[in-house]
Structure formats: structure tokens, C-alpha cells
Amino acid sequence: MTGATAIVMVDLQNMYLEQDKRDGFGWPPIWRFEEVVDECRQLLEAGRAAGMPIIYTRNVTRPDAADATPSMRRLLAQSADPTESTPLARAESWSSEILDKVTPQPGDIVINKLRWDAFHYTELEAILRNLGVSRLIVAGLQTNVCVETTTRTAMMRNFEVAVPEDAVSTDGERLHYNALDAMRVLYVEVAPWRELTATGATWDRAFTTPNYGRS
């Protein structure tokens, strides 16, 4: 399994430590943030030990937000000081950097993205194809935004996809679980990361569990 499996670690960035900026946009703290970051750290260590390619994404934007979505530009326009108070990570800023607890190691790959989808206008697919990857473990932040959007696109591009339920989170418990169920319905394998990375893991519960995700 491991030769064809990569870990895509989504947006574990310092911007999530700047809750004062998130508060200004009505975004609550990430649910179980510290626990999930630690699970991501352990997942990354296990993946490296197994020889899995590790690919990080960073969500970044220009200082003038010219590359942001219309909705984000509208939010920024309502800010008294959009250059200082924005929760968006500016490229090359401290906010955009990967959290120290899960810092990339030699051999890991880091790509920048402008949207929720890690495939959108990025080199991600070309990298995965070059590495011979057919299976993805998509972890990180946020479950219902960048993780789910990236997962949907990966399936549309014929990758087999799993999401470790203990190594993803978002700004609310209900949003987190609703997003996991939405992915289950699409036949994404959702399970603790230790099960997903176990030797011989078949990733078949979506096909063998009645009403998977439809509770």
C-alpha cells in the first residue's frame, strides 16, 4: 500500500494561532486544535517511517487580496484595517508558515494554494502522478472547507481517498462531523489514521457499511 499512498497535509499554518484576527470575522477557534495538530504530527512521523511521500499545502494570498475569492474580498472590505487584521495568510509572512509542531522535514514537499481546493491552479496532481501515487490520505484543516474540497477533487481525478477523522478539524464540532458524513457518502474512507496506515488496510468500509454516512 505505502508505495502508492501519499499524505496531503492541508494548511497547518500559524494563522490558526491568531485567534484575535479570526474573531474579527466571526470565526470561532478550531475544535480540538491542539489534539488534532498532535495527531497530525504522529501521522506524519508514521508516514515518513513507511516511506510515504508527504505533501504540505499552504493557503496564501497577495497583500492586496487581488487573488482572493469575491466573498473573502467582501469580508476584507468590511475590516477597519484589512492589511493588519485579516485572518488570511500573506505569502512570506509568519502567518503563512507551517506550525512548528509539524514543520516539514527534508524530502517533504510544500505547495502554495490560493483556494480551498489544493488541486486548483497548483502543481499537486503533476507531483502525485510523477510519484506514482494512487491513494491519498488528506488530513489537516479545515474538515468542511479545504479538506473536503480537496478530497472531492481528488476523487474526480481518480485517486482513492481517505480522511483520518482524528487528524482533521474545523471551527465547530457539528461542522466537523457533518463534513465527515458528506465525504462518507461519496465513498471516502473515514477512519482513525492508525487504521488507514495499517499494513494491508483495504479502505473498504465505505462499500461494506450499510447507509455509510447517511445517519
N, C-alpha and C. Protein backbone atom coordinates (compact mmCIF):
# COMPACT_ATOMS: atom_id res chain seq x y z
N MET A 1 0.81 -1.21 0.00
CA MET A 1 0.00 0.00 0.00
C MET A 1 0.85 1.26 0.00
N THR A 2 1.94 1.26 0.80
CA THR A 2 2.62 2.52 1.05
C THR A 2 3.26 3.11 -0.19
N GLY A 3 3.70 2.28 -1.12
CA GLY A 3 4.35 2.81 -2.31
C GLY A 3 3.44 3.67 -3.15
N ALA A 4 2.14 3.45 -3.07
CA ALA A 4 1.19 4.19 -3.89
C ALA A 4 0.38 5.19 -3.07
N THR A 5 0.74 5.41 -1.81
CA THR A 5 -0.03 6.27 -0.92
C THR A 5 0.79 7.50 -0.52
N ALA A 6 0.16 8.65 -0.58
CA ALA A 6 0.79 9.90 -0.13
C ALA A 6 -0.08 10.55 0.92
N ILE A 7 0.54 11.33 1.79
CA ILE A 7 -0.19 12.13 2.76
C ILE A 7 -0.21 13.57 2.27
N VAL A 8 -1.41 14.13 2.15
CA VAL A 8 -1.55 15.54 1.83
C VAL A 8 -1.99 16.25 3.11
N MET A 9 -1.10 17.04 3.67
CA MET A 9 -1.35 17.72 4.94
C MET A 9 -1.76 19.16 4.64
N VAL A 10 -3.01 19.46 4.94
CA VAL A 10 -3.63 20.69 4.46
C VAL A 10 -3.54 21.82 5.49
N ASP A 11 -2.84 22.88 5.14
CA ASP A 11 -2.94 24.21 5.78
C ASP A 11 -2.74 24.22 7.30
N LEU A 12 -1.79 23.48 7.80
CA LEU A 12 -1.48 23.55 9.23
C LEU A 12 -0.54 24.75 9.44
N GLN A 13 -1.12 25.93 9.47
CA GLN A 13 -0.35 27.17 9.42
C GLN A 13 -0.50 28.00 10.69
N ASN A 14 0.45 28.89 10.89
CA ASN A 14 0.43 29.77 12.05
C ASN A 14 -0.80 30.66 12.11
N MET A 15 -1.46 30.88 11.00
CA MET A 15 -2.64 31.75 11.00
C MET A 15 -3.71 31.25 11.97
N TYR A 16 -3.69 29.97 12.28
CA TYR A 16 -4.68 29.44 13.22
C TYR A 16 -4.32 29.76 14.68
N LEU A 17 -3.13 30.29 14.89
CA LEU A 17 -2.75 30.74 16.23
C LEU A 17 -3.17 32.19 16.48
N GLU A 18 -3.64 32.86 15.46
CA GLU A 18 -4.02 34.26 15.55
C GLU A 18 -5.54 34.38 15.71
N GLN A 19 -6.04 33.88 16.82
CA GLN A 19 -7.49 33.83 17.02
C GLN A 19 -8.11 35.22 17.10
N ASP A 20 -7.33 36.21 17.53
CA ASP A 20 -7.87 37.56 17.58
C ASP A 20 -8.31 38.05 16.20
N LYS A 21 -7.56 37.68 15.18
CA LYS A 21 -7.94 38.06 13.82
C LYS A 21 -9.15 37.26 13.35
N ARG A 22 -9.21 35.99 13.71
CA ARG A 22 -10.35 35.16 13.33
C ARG A 22 -11.62 35.66 14.02
N ASP A 23 -11.48 36.10 15.26
CA ASP A 23 -12.65 36.62 15.99
C ASP A 23 -13.28 37.79 15.25
N GLY A 24 -12.46 38.61 14.63
CA GLY A 24 -12.97 39.78 13.93
C GLY A 24 -13.85 39.44 12.76
N PHE A 25 -13.74 38.20 12.26
CA PHE A 25 -14.57 37.76 11.14
C PHE A 25 -15.65 36.78 11.58
N GLY A 26 -15.78 36.61 12.90
CA GLY A 26 -16.81 35.72 13.41
C GLY A 26 -16.47 34.25 13.30
N TRP A 27 -15.18 33.94 13.24
CA TRP A 27 -14.75 32.55 13.10
C TRP A 27 -14.28 32.04 14.46
N PRO A 28 -14.96 31.04 15.02
CA PRO A 28 -14.57 30.53 16.34
C PRO A 28 -13.28 29.73 16.28
N PRO A 29 -12.70 29.41 17.43
CA PRO A 29 -11.48 28.60 17.45
C PRO A 29 -11.71 27.22 16.83
N ILE A 30 -10.63 26.66 16.32
CA ILE A 30 -10.70 25.32 15.75
C ILE A 30 -10.97 24.33 16.88
N TRP A 31 -11.96 23.48 16.67
CA TRP A 31 -12.36 22.49 17.67
C TRP A 31 -11.23 21.46 17.85
N ARG A 32 -10.82 21.25 19.11
CA ARG A 32 -9.78 20.28 19.48
C ARG A 32 -8.47 20.57 18.75
N PHE A 33 -8.13 21.82 18.62
CA PHE A 33 -6.98 22.22 17.80
C PHE A 33 -5.69 21.52 18.23
N GLU A 34 -5.33 21.63 19.49
CA GLU A 34 -4.05 21.07 19.93
C GLU A 34 -4.00 19.55 19.75
N GLU A 35 -5.11 18.88 20.08
CA GLU A 35 -5.14 17.42 19.94
C GLU A 35 -5.00 17.00 18.48
N VAL A 36 -5.66 17.72 17.61
CA VAL A 36 -5.62 17.37 16.18
C VAL A 36 -4.24 17.64 15.60
N VAL A 37 -3.63 18.74 15.96
CA VAL A 37 -2.27 19.02 15.48
C VAL A 37 -1.32 17.92 15.94
N ASP A 38 -1.47 17.44 17.15
CA ASP A 38 -0.60 16.37 17.64
C ASP A 38 -0.85 15.07 16.88
N GLU A 39 -2.11 14.78 16.57
CA GLU A 39 -2.40 13.58 15.78
C GLU A 39 -1.79 13.72 14.38
N CYS A 40 -1.84 14.91 13.81
CA CYS A 40 -1.22 15.14 12.51
C CYS A 40 0.29 14.92 12.59
N ARG A 41 0.90 15.37 13.68
CA ARG A 41 2.33 15.16 13.87
C ARG A 41 2.66 13.68 13.89
N GLN A 42 1.88 12.90 14.61
CA GLN A 42 2.13 11.46 14.68
C GLN A 42 1.87 10.78 13.34
N LEU A 43 0.84 11.23 12.64
CA LEU A 43 0.56 10.68 11.31
C LEU A 43 1.73 10.95 10.36
N LEU A 44 2.25 12.16 10.39
CA LEU A 44 3.39 12.49 9.53
C LEU A 44 4.60 11.64 9.86
N GLU A 45 4.87 11.44 11.13
CA GLU A 45 6.01 10.61 11.53
C GLU A 45 5.84 9.17 11.03
N ALA A 46 4.62 8.65 11.18
CA ALA A 46 4.34 7.28 10.72
C ALA A 46 4.46 7.19 9.21
N GLY A 47 3.97 8.21 8.52
CA GLY A 47 4.05 8.20 7.06
C GLY A 47 5.48 8.24 6.56
N ARG A 48 6.29 9.08 7.17
CA ARG A 48 7.70 9.13 6.77
C ARG A 48 8.39 7.80 7.03
N ALA A 49 8.11 7.21 8.18
CA ALA A 49 8.73 5.92 8.52
C ALA A 49 8.35 4.84 7.52
N ALA A 50 7.14 4.95 6.96
CA ALA A 50 6.66 3.96 5.99
C ALA A 50 7.06 4.30 4.55
N GLY A 51 7.74 5.42 4.37
CA GLY A 51 8.18 5.80 3.03
C GLY A 51 7.13 6.50 2.19
N MET A 52 6.09 7.00 2.82
CA MET A 52 5.06 7.71 2.06
C MET A 52 5.52 9.12 1.71
N PRO A 53 5.27 9.59 0.50
CA PRO A 53 5.52 10.99 0.20
C PRO A 53 4.63 11.88 1.08
N ILE A 54 5.21 12.99 1.54
CA ILE A 54 4.49 13.94 2.38
C ILE A 54 4.40 15.26 1.61
N ILE A 55 3.18 15.72 1.42
CA ILE A 55 2.96 16.98 0.70
C ILE A 55 2.14 17.91 1.59
N TYR A 56 2.71 19.05 1.90
CA TYR A 56 2.00 20.08 2.66
C TYR A 56 1.40 21.09 1.70
N THR A 57 0.25 21.64 2.09
CA THR A 57 -0.27 22.81 1.38
C THR A 57 -0.28 24.01 2.32
N ARG A 58 -0.10 25.18 1.75
CA ARG A 58 -0.24 26.45 2.48
C ARG A 58 -1.23 27.32 1.72
N ASN A 59 -2.23 27.79 2.42
CA ASN A 59 -3.19 28.71 1.81
C ASN A 59 -2.64 30.13 1.98
N VAL A 60 -2.36 30.80 0.87
CA VAL A 60 -1.78 32.14 0.93
C VAL A 60 -2.53 33.09 0.01
N THR A 61 -2.32 34.37 0.23
CA THR A 61 -2.95 35.38 -0.62
C THR A 61 -2.00 36.57 -0.77
N ARG A 62 -2.21 37.35 -1.81
CA ARG A 62 -1.42 38.56 -2.02
C ARG A 62 -1.74 39.61 -0.96
N PRO A 63 -0.82 40.52 -0.69
CA PRO A 63 -1.11 41.58 0.28
C PRO A 63 -2.33 42.42 -0.07
N ASP A 64 -2.58 42.59 -1.37
CA ASP A 64 -3.75 43.38 -1.78
C ASP A 64 -5.00 42.52 -1.96
N ALA A 65 -4.89 41.22 -1.70
CA ALA A 65 -6.00 40.27 -1.80
C ALA A 65 -6.62 40.21 -3.19
N ALA A 66 -5.86 40.61 -4.20
CA ALA A 66 -6.39 40.58 -5.56
C ALA A 66 -6.65 39.17 -6.05
N ASP A 67 -6.01 38.19 -5.42
CA ASP A 67 -6.20 36.80 -5.82
C ASP A 67 -7.18 36.06 -4.92
N ALA A 68 -7.82 36.76 -4.00
CA ALA A 68 -8.79 36.13 -3.09
C ALA A 68 -10.15 35.98 -3.77
N THR A 69 -10.98 35.12 -3.21
CA THR A 69 -12.33 34.94 -3.75
C THR A 69 -13.16 36.21 -3.53
N PRO A 70 -14.21 36.40 -4.33
CA PRO A 70 -15.07 37.57 -4.12
C PRO A 70 -15.63 37.65 -2.70
N SER A 71 -15.98 36.50 -2.11
CA SER A 71 -16.53 36.52 -0.76
C SER A 71 -15.50 37.00 0.25
N MET A 72 -14.25 36.55 0.10
CA MET A 72 -13.22 36.99 1.02
C MET A 72 -12.88 38.46 0.82
N ARG A 73 -12.89 38.92 -0.42
CA ARG A 73 -12.64 40.34 -0.68
C ARG A 73 -13.73 41.20 -0.05
N ARG A 74 -14.95 40.69 -0.07
CA ARG A 74 -16.04 41.43 0.55
C ARG A 74 -15.87 41.49 2.07
N LEU A 75 -15.45 40.38 2.67
CA LEU A 75 -15.17 40.38 4.10
C LEU A 75 -14.07 41.37 4.46
N LEU A 76 -13.00 41.35 3.66
CA LEU A 76 -11.88 42.24 3.94
C LEU A 76 -12.27 43.71 3.80
N ALA A 77 -13.17 43.99 2.87
CA ALA A 77 -13.60 45.37 2.66
C ALA A 77 -14.33 45.93 3.88
N GLN A 78 -14.87 45.05 4.72
CA GLN A 78 -15.59 45.48 5.91
C GLN A 78 -14.65 45.69 7.11
N SER A 79 -13.39 45.32 6.94
CA SER A 79 -12.43 45.43 8.04
C SER A 79 -11.91 46.86 8.14
N ALA A 80 -11.74 47.34 9.36
CA ALA A 80 -11.21 48.69 9.57
C ALA A 80 -9.77 48.80 9.09
N ASP A 81 -9.02 47.72 9.20
CA ASP A 81 -7.62 47.72 8.79
C ASP A 81 -7.29 46.38 8.14
N PRO A 82 -7.70 46.18 6.88
CA PRO A 82 -7.56 44.87 6.25
C PRO A 82 -6.12 44.39 6.11
N THR A 83 -5.15 45.30 6.11
CA THR A 83 -3.77 44.87 5.96
C THR A 83 -3.20 44.26 7.23
N GLU A 84 -3.80 44.60 8.40
CA GLU A 84 -3.27 44.13 9.67
C GLU A 84 -4.18 43.10 10.35
N SER A 85 -5.50 43.23 10.16
CA SER A 85 -6.43 42.41 10.93
C SER A 85 -6.95 41.19 10.18
N THR A 86 -6.53 41.00 8.95
CA THR A 86 -7.04 39.89 8.18
C THR A 86 -6.57 38.54 8.72
N PRO A 87 -7.45 37.54 8.75
CA PRO A 87 -7.02 36.19 9.13
C PRO A 87 -6.42 35.43 7.95
N LEU A 88 -6.42 36.02 6.77
CA LEU A 88 -5.80 35.38 5.62
C LEU A 88 -4.28 35.46 5.73
N ALA A 89 -3.62 34.42 5.30
CA ALA A 89 -2.16 34.37 5.41
C ALA A 89 -1.51 35.00 4.19
N ARG A 90 -0.75 36.05 4.41
CA ARG A 90 0.01 36.66 3.33
C ARG A 90 1.23 35.78 3.01
N ALA A 91 1.52 35.63 1.73
CA ALA A 91 2.69 34.86 1.34
C ALA A 91 3.94 35.47 1.97
N GLU A 92 4.84 34.61 2.44
CA GLU A 92 6.09 35.01 3.08
C GLU A 92 5.91 35.63 4.46
N SER A 93 4.73 35.60 5.01
CA SER A 93 4.51 36.11 6.36
C SER A 93 4.60 34.97 7.37
N TRP A 94 4.73 35.34 8.66
CA TRP A 94 4.74 34.33 9.72
C TRP A 94 3.44 33.54 9.71
N SER A 95 2.33 34.19 9.43
CA SER A 95 1.02 33.53 9.42
C SER A 95 0.96 32.39 8.41
N SER A 96 1.69 32.53 7.33
CA SER A 96 1.62 31.53 6.26
C SER A 96 2.48 30.30 6.53
N GLU A 97 3.39 30.39 7.49
CA GLU A 97 4.32 29.30 7.72
C GLU A 97 3.64 28.12 8.42
N ILE A 98 4.20 26.93 8.19
CA ILE A 98 3.68 25.71 8.82
C ILE A 98 3.99 25.74 10.32
N LEU A 99 3.05 25.27 11.12
CA LEU A 99 3.22 25.22 12.56
C LEU A 99 4.49 24.46 12.96
N ASP A 100 5.16 24.96 13.98
CA ASP A 100 6.42 24.35 14.41
C ASP A 100 6.27 22.87 14.77
N LYS A 101 5.13 22.50 15.35
CA LYS A 101 4.94 21.12 15.79
C LYS A 101 4.90 20.13 14.63
N VAL A 102 4.61 20.62 13.45
CA VAL A 102 4.50 19.73 12.28
C VAL A 102 5.36 20.26 11.14
N THR A 103 6.46 20.89 11.47
CA THR A 103 7.29 21.52 10.45
C THR A 103 7.77 20.50 9.41
N PRO A 104 7.80 20.89 8.14
CA PRO A 104 8.28 19.97 7.10
C PRO A 104 9.71 19.52 7.34
N GLN A 105 9.99 18.30 6.92
CA GLN A 105 11.31 17.71 7.05
C GLN A 105 11.96 17.60 5.67
N PRO A 106 13.27 17.41 5.61
CA PRO A 106 13.93 17.23 4.31
C PRO A 106 13.25 16.13 3.50
N GLY A 107 12.97 16.43 2.26
CA GLY A 107 12.29 15.47 1.39
C GLY A 107 10.80 15.70 1.29
N ASP A 108 10.22 16.41 2.25
CA ASP A 108 8.80 16.76 2.16
C ASP A 108 8.61 17.85 1.10
N ILE A 109 7.41 17.92 0.57
CA ILE A 109 7.08 18.90 -0.47
C ILE A 109 6.06 19.89 0.08
N VAL A 110 6.26 21.17 -0.18
CA VAL A 110 5.33 22.21 0.25
C VAL A 110 4.85 22.97 -0.98
N ILE A 111 3.54 23.06 -1.15
CA ILE A 111 2.98 23.82 -2.26
C ILE A 111 2.05 24.91 -1.72
N ASN A 112 1.98 26.01 -2.44
CA ASN A 112 1.06 27.09 -2.09
C ASN A 112 -0.22 26.95 -2.89
N LYS A 113 -1.33 27.32 -2.28
CA LYS A 113 -2.61 27.32 -2.99
C LYS A 113 -3.36 28.60 -2.66
N LEU A 114 -4.23 29.01 -3.59
CA LEU A 114 -5.00 30.25 -3.45
C LEU A 114 -6.45 29.99 -3.07
N ARG A 115 -6.88 28.77 -3.17
CA ARG A 115 -8.28 28.45 -2.96
C ARG A 115 -8.40 27.27 -2.00
N TRP A 116 -9.63 26.89 -1.70
CA TRP A 116 -9.86 25.76 -0.79
C TRP A 116 -9.36 24.45 -1.39
N ASP A 117 -9.38 24.35 -2.70
CA ASP A 117 -9.01 23.13 -3.41
C ASP A 117 -7.50 23.10 -3.65
N ALA A 118 -6.83 22.11 -3.11
CA ALA A 118 -5.37 22.02 -3.26
C ALA A 118 -4.95 21.67 -4.68
N PHE A 119 -5.89 21.26 -5.53
CA PHE A 119 -5.57 20.96 -6.93
C PHE A 119 -5.74 22.18 -7.83
N HIS A 120 -6.43 23.19 -7.36
CA HIS A 120 -6.83 24.32 -8.21
C HIS A 120 -5.63 25.23 -8.50
N TYR A 121 -5.19 25.24 -9.76
CA TYR A 121 -4.05 26.06 -10.18
C TYR A 121 -2.78 25.77 -9.38
N THR A 122 -2.59 24.52 -8.99
CA THR A 122 -1.35 24.14 -8.32
C THR A 122 -0.71 22.96 -9.06
N GLU A 123 0.50 22.62 -8.66
CA GLU A 123 1.23 21.51 -9.27
C GLU A 123 0.96 20.18 -8.57
N LEU A 124 -0.05 20.12 -7.69
CA LEU A 124 -0.26 18.93 -6.87
C LEU A 124 -0.46 17.68 -7.71
N GLU A 125 -1.34 17.72 -8.69
CA GLU A 125 -1.61 16.50 -9.46
C GLU A 125 -0.36 16.03 -10.21
N ALA A 126 0.37 16.95 -10.81
CA ALA A 126 1.59 16.56 -11.53
C ALA A 126 2.58 15.88 -10.60
N ILE A 127 2.72 16.41 -9.39
CA ILE A 127 3.62 15.79 -8.41
C ILE A 127 3.17 14.39 -8.05
N LEU A 128 1.88 14.23 -7.78
CA LEU A 128 1.36 12.90 -7.40
C LEU A 128 1.53 11.89 -8.52
N ARG A 129 1.25 12.31 -9.76
CA ARG A 129 1.40 11.39 -10.90
C ARG A 129 2.87 11.00 -11.07
N ASN A 130 3.77 11.95 -10.93
CA ASN A 130 5.20 11.66 -11.07
C ASN A 130 5.68 10.68 -10.00
N LEU A 131 5.07 10.76 -8.83
CA LEU A 131 5.45 9.87 -7.73
C LEU A 131 4.74 8.52 -7.80
N GLY A 132 3.87 8.34 -8.77
CA GLY A 132 3.16 7.07 -8.90
C GLY A 132 2.12 6.85 -7.83
N VAL A 133 1.59 7.93 -7.29
CA VAL A 133 0.61 7.84 -6.20
C VAL A 133 -0.79 7.60 -6.75
N SER A 134 -1.51 6.68 -6.12
CA SER A 134 -2.91 6.45 -6.49
C SER A 134 -3.84 6.59 -5.30
N ARG A 135 -3.28 6.60 -4.07
CA ARG A 135 -4.06 6.73 -2.85
C ARG A 135 -3.60 7.96 -2.07
N LEU A 136 -4.58 8.70 -1.54
CA LEU A 136 -4.27 9.89 -0.77
C LEU A 136 -4.89 9.81 0.62
N ILE A 137 -4.12 10.17 1.61
CA ILE A 137 -4.65 10.45 2.95
C ILE A 137 -4.64 11.96 3.11
N VAL A 138 -5.82 12.55 3.17
CA VAL A 138 -5.95 14.01 3.24
C VAL A 138 -6.28 14.40 4.67
N ALA A 139 -5.36 15.12 5.32
CA ALA A 139 -5.52 15.49 6.73
C ALA A 139 -5.30 16.99 6.89
N GLY A 140 -5.54 17.49 8.11
CA GLY A 140 -5.27 18.89 8.39
C GLY A 140 -6.52 19.71 8.61
N LEU A 141 -6.50 20.96 8.12
CA LEU A 141 -7.56 21.93 8.38
C LEU A 141 -8.05 22.56 7.08
N GLN A 142 -9.33 22.83 6.98
CA GLN A 142 -10.41 22.54 7.89
C GLN A 142 -11.28 21.46 7.28
N THR A 143 -11.89 20.62 8.11
CA THR A 143 -12.62 19.44 7.63
C THR A 143 -13.62 19.78 6.53
N ASN A 144 -14.45 20.79 6.76
CA ASN A 144 -15.55 21.10 5.85
C ASN A 144 -15.18 22.10 4.77
N VAL A 145 -13.93 22.55 4.75
CA VAL A 145 -13.53 23.55 3.75
C VAL A 145 -12.44 22.95 2.86
N CYS A 146 -11.17 23.18 3.18
CA CYS A 146 -10.10 22.75 2.30
C CYS A 146 -9.92 21.24 2.25
N VAL A 147 -10.13 20.55 3.37
CA VAL A 147 -10.02 19.09 3.36
C VAL A 147 -11.10 18.48 2.48
N GLU A 148 -12.34 18.87 2.70
CA GLU A 148 -13.44 18.29 1.92
C GLU A 148 -13.34 18.67 0.44
N THR A 149 -13.03 19.93 0.16
CA THR A 149 -12.94 20.36 -1.24
C THR A 149 -11.83 19.63 -1.97
N THR A 150 -10.67 19.50 -1.34
CA THR A 150 -9.56 18.77 -1.94
C THR A 150 -9.90 17.31 -2.15
N THR A 151 -10.59 16.73 -1.18
CA THR A 151 -10.98 15.33 -1.27
C THR A 151 -11.92 15.09 -2.45
N ARG A 152 -12.89 15.97 -2.62
CA ARG A 152 -13.83 15.82 -3.74
C ARG A 152 -13.10 15.88 -5.08
N THR A 153 -12.20 16.83 -5.22
CA THR A 153 -11.46 16.94 -6.48
C THR A 153 -10.57 15.73 -6.70
N ALA A 154 -9.93 15.25 -5.65
CA ALA A 154 -9.07 14.07 -5.78
C ALA A 154 -9.86 12.88 -6.32
N MET A 155 -11.07 12.69 -5.82
CA MET A 155 -11.90 11.58 -6.31
C MET A 155 -12.29 11.79 -7.76
N MET A 156 -12.58 13.03 -8.13
CA MET A 156 -12.93 13.33 -9.52
C MET A 156 -11.75 13.06 -10.46
N ARG A 157 -10.53 13.10 -9.91
CA ARG A 157 -9.34 12.85 -10.71
C ARG A 157 -8.82 11.43 -10.54
N ASN A 158 -9.69 10.57 -10.02
CA ASN A 158 -9.44 9.12 -9.97
C ASN A 158 -8.40 8.69 -8.95
N PHE A 159 -8.25 9.47 -7.88
CA PHE A 159 -7.47 9.00 -6.75
C PHE A 159 -8.40 8.32 -5.75
N GLU A 160 -7.89 7.30 -5.07
CA GLU A 160 -8.59 6.69 -3.94
C GLU A 160 -8.25 7.53 -2.72
N VAL A 161 -9.26 7.92 -1.94
CA VAL A 161 -9.05 8.92 -0.91
C VAL A 161 -9.53 8.45 0.46
N ALA A 162 -8.75 8.77 1.47
CA ALA A 162 -9.14 8.53 2.86
C ALA A 162 -8.92 9.80 3.66
N VAL A 163 -9.76 9.99 4.67
CA VAL A 163 -9.64 11.13 5.58
C VAL A 163 -9.54 10.60 7.00
N PRO A 164 -8.46 10.89 7.71
CA PRO A 164 -8.34 10.43 9.10
C PRO A 164 -9.18 11.30 10.03
N GLU A 165 -10.20 10.73 10.59
CA GLU A 165 -11.16 11.51 11.37
C GLU A 165 -10.54 12.14 12.62
N ASP A 166 -9.43 11.58 13.09
CA ASP A 166 -8.76 12.12 14.28
C ASP A 166 -7.65 13.10 13.94
N ALA A 167 -7.41 13.35 12.66
CA ALA A 167 -6.34 14.26 12.23
C ALA A 167 -6.87 15.36 11.32
N VAL A 168 -8.15 15.69 11.50
CA VAL A 168 -8.77 16.82 10.82
C VAL A 168 -9.68 17.53 11.82
N SER A 169 -9.93 18.80 11.58
CA SER A 169 -10.88 19.53 12.42
C SER A 169 -11.30 20.81 11.71
N THR A 170 -12.25 21.52 12.34
CA THR A 170 -12.72 22.79 11.79
C THR A 170 -13.26 23.63 12.93
N ASP A 171 -13.89 24.76 12.60
CA ASP A 171 -14.34 25.67 13.65
C ASP A 171 -15.74 25.32 14.12
N GLY A 172 -15.87 24.11 14.63
CA GLY A 172 -17.12 23.66 15.21
C GLY A 172 -17.28 22.15 15.10
N GLU A 173 -17.71 21.53 16.19
CA GLU A 173 -17.86 20.07 16.22
C GLU A 173 -18.89 19.59 15.20
N ARG A 174 -20.03 20.29 15.12
CA ARG A 174 -21.09 19.85 14.20
C ARG A 174 -20.63 19.94 12.75
N LEU A 175 -19.97 21.06 12.39
CA LEU A 175 -19.45 21.18 11.04
C LEU A 175 -18.48 20.05 10.71
N HIS A 176 -17.66 19.70 11.69
CA HIS A 176 -16.67 18.63 11.50
C HIS A 176 -17.36 17.31 11.16
N TYR A 177 -18.31 16.91 11.99
CA TYR A 177 -18.97 15.61 11.77
C TYR A 177 -19.86 15.62 10.54
N ASN A 178 -20.51 16.73 10.26
CA ASN A 178 -21.32 16.80 9.04
C ASN A 178 -20.46 16.64 7.80
N ALA A 179 -19.28 17.26 7.81
CA ALA A 179 -18.38 17.14 6.66
C ALA A 179 -17.88 15.71 6.49
N LEU A 180 -17.55 15.05 7.60
CA LEU A 180 -17.11 13.66 7.50
C LEU A 180 -18.20 12.79 6.89
N ASP A 181 -19.45 13.00 7.30
CA ASP A 181 -20.54 12.22 6.73
C ASP A 181 -20.74 12.53 5.25
N ALA A 182 -20.58 13.80 4.88
CA ALA A 182 -20.71 14.16 3.46
C ALA A 182 -19.66 13.44 2.63
N MET A 183 -18.46 13.29 3.17
CA MET A 183 -17.41 12.57 2.44
C MET A 183 -17.66 11.07 2.44
N ARG A 184 -18.19 10.56 3.54
CA ARG A 184 -18.52 9.12 3.57
C ARG A 184 -19.51 8.77 2.45
N VAL A 185 -20.48 9.62 2.25
CA VAL A 185 -21.49 9.37 1.22
C VAL A 185 -20.84 9.29 -0.16
N LEU A 186 -19.73 9.98 -0.35
CA LEU A 186 -19.00 9.95 -1.62
C LEU A 186 -18.06 8.76 -1.73
N TYR A 187 -18.07 7.87 -0.72
CA TYR A 187 -17.23 6.69 -0.67
C TYR A 187 -15.77 7.02 -0.36
N VAL A 188 -15.59 8.07 0.41
CA VAL A 188 -14.29 8.34 1.01
C VAL A 188 -14.15 7.45 2.24
N GLU A 189 -12.96 6.88 2.42
CA GLU A 189 -12.70 6.07 3.62
C GLU A 189 -12.44 7.01 4.79
N VAL A 190 -13.25 6.94 5.82
CA VAL A 190 -13.09 7.78 7.00
C VAL A 190 -12.84 6.87 8.20
N ALA A 191 -11.68 7.06 8.85
CA ALA A 191 -11.30 6.20 9.97
C ALA A 191 -10.14 6.87 10.70
N PRO A 192 -9.80 6.40 11.91
CA PRO A 192 -8.60 6.91 12.58
C PRO A 192 -7.36 6.64 11.72
N TRP A 193 -6.38 7.53 11.81
CA TRP A 193 -5.24 7.42 10.90
C TRP A 193 -4.45 6.14 11.08
N ARG A 194 -4.44 5.59 12.30
CA ARG A 194 -3.69 4.35 12.50
C ARG A 194 -4.30 3.19 11.73
N GLU A 195 -5.60 3.21 11.55
CA GLU A 195 -6.26 2.17 10.75
C GLU A 195 -5.98 2.39 9.27
N LEU A 196 -5.97 3.62 8.84
CA LEU A 196 -5.76 3.91 7.42
C LEU A 196 -4.35 3.56 6.98
N THR A 197 -3.38 3.67 7.88
CA THR A 197 -1.98 3.40 7.52
C THR A 197 -1.52 2.00 7.89
N ALA A 198 -2.41 1.19 8.44
CA ALA A 198 -2.03 -0.17 8.84
C ALA A 198 -1.66 -1.00 7.62
N THR A 199 -0.72 -1.90 7.81
CA THR A 199 -0.32 -2.79 6.72
C THR A 199 -1.52 -3.59 6.22
N GLY A 200 -1.75 -3.55 4.94
CA GLY A 200 -2.85 -4.29 4.34
C GLY A 200 -4.21 -3.63 4.47
N ALA A 201 -4.26 -2.38 4.91
CA ALA A 201 -5.55 -1.67 5.03
C ALA A 201 -6.25 -1.65 3.68
N THR A 202 -7.51 -2.09 3.66
CA THR A 202 -8.23 -2.24 2.40
C THR A 202 -9.07 -1.02 2.01
N TRP A 203 -9.31 -0.13 2.96
CA TRP A 203 -10.11 1.07 2.71
C TRP A 203 -11.44 0.69 2.06
N ASP A 204 -12.15 -0.23 2.68
CA ASP A 204 -13.38 -0.72 2.05
C ASP A 204 -14.63 -0.49 2.88
N ARG A 205 -14.52 0.21 4.04
CA ARG A 205 -15.70 0.34 4.89
C ARG A 205 -16.82 1.13 4.21
N ALA A 206 -16.46 2.05 3.31
CA ALA A 206 -17.50 2.80 2.60
C ALA A 206 -18.35 1.89 1.74
N PHE A 207 -17.80 0.74 1.34
CA PHE A 207 -18.52 -0.18 0.48
C PHE A 207 -19.16 -1.33 1.25
N THR A 208 -18.72 -1.53 2.48
CA THR A 208 -19.20 -2.67 3.26
C THR A 208 -20.12 -2.26 4.41
N THR A 209 -20.26 -0.94 4.66
CA THR A 209 -21.09 -0.45 5.76
C THR A 209 -22.41 0.07 5.22
N PRO A 210 -23.53 -0.55 5.59
CA PRO A 210 -24.83 -0.06 5.11
C PRO A 210 -25.08 1.38 5.54
N ASN A 211 -25.65 2.16 4.64
CA ASN A 211 -26.03 3.56 4.94
C ASN A 211 -24.84 4.40 5.41
N TYR A 212 -23.68 4.13 4.87
CA TYR A 212 -22.46 4.80 5.31
C TYR A 212 -22.59 6.32 5.16
N GLY A 213 -22.51 7.03 6.28
CA GLY A 213 -22.61 8.48 6.26
C GLY A 213 -24.01 9.02 6.18
N ARG A 214 -25.00 8.15 6.17
CA ARG A 214 -26.38 8.60 5.97
C ARG A 214 -27.22 8.54 7.25
N SER A 215 -26.54 8.64 8.38
CA SER A 215 -27.25 8.60 9.66
C SER A 215 -27.89 9.95 9.97
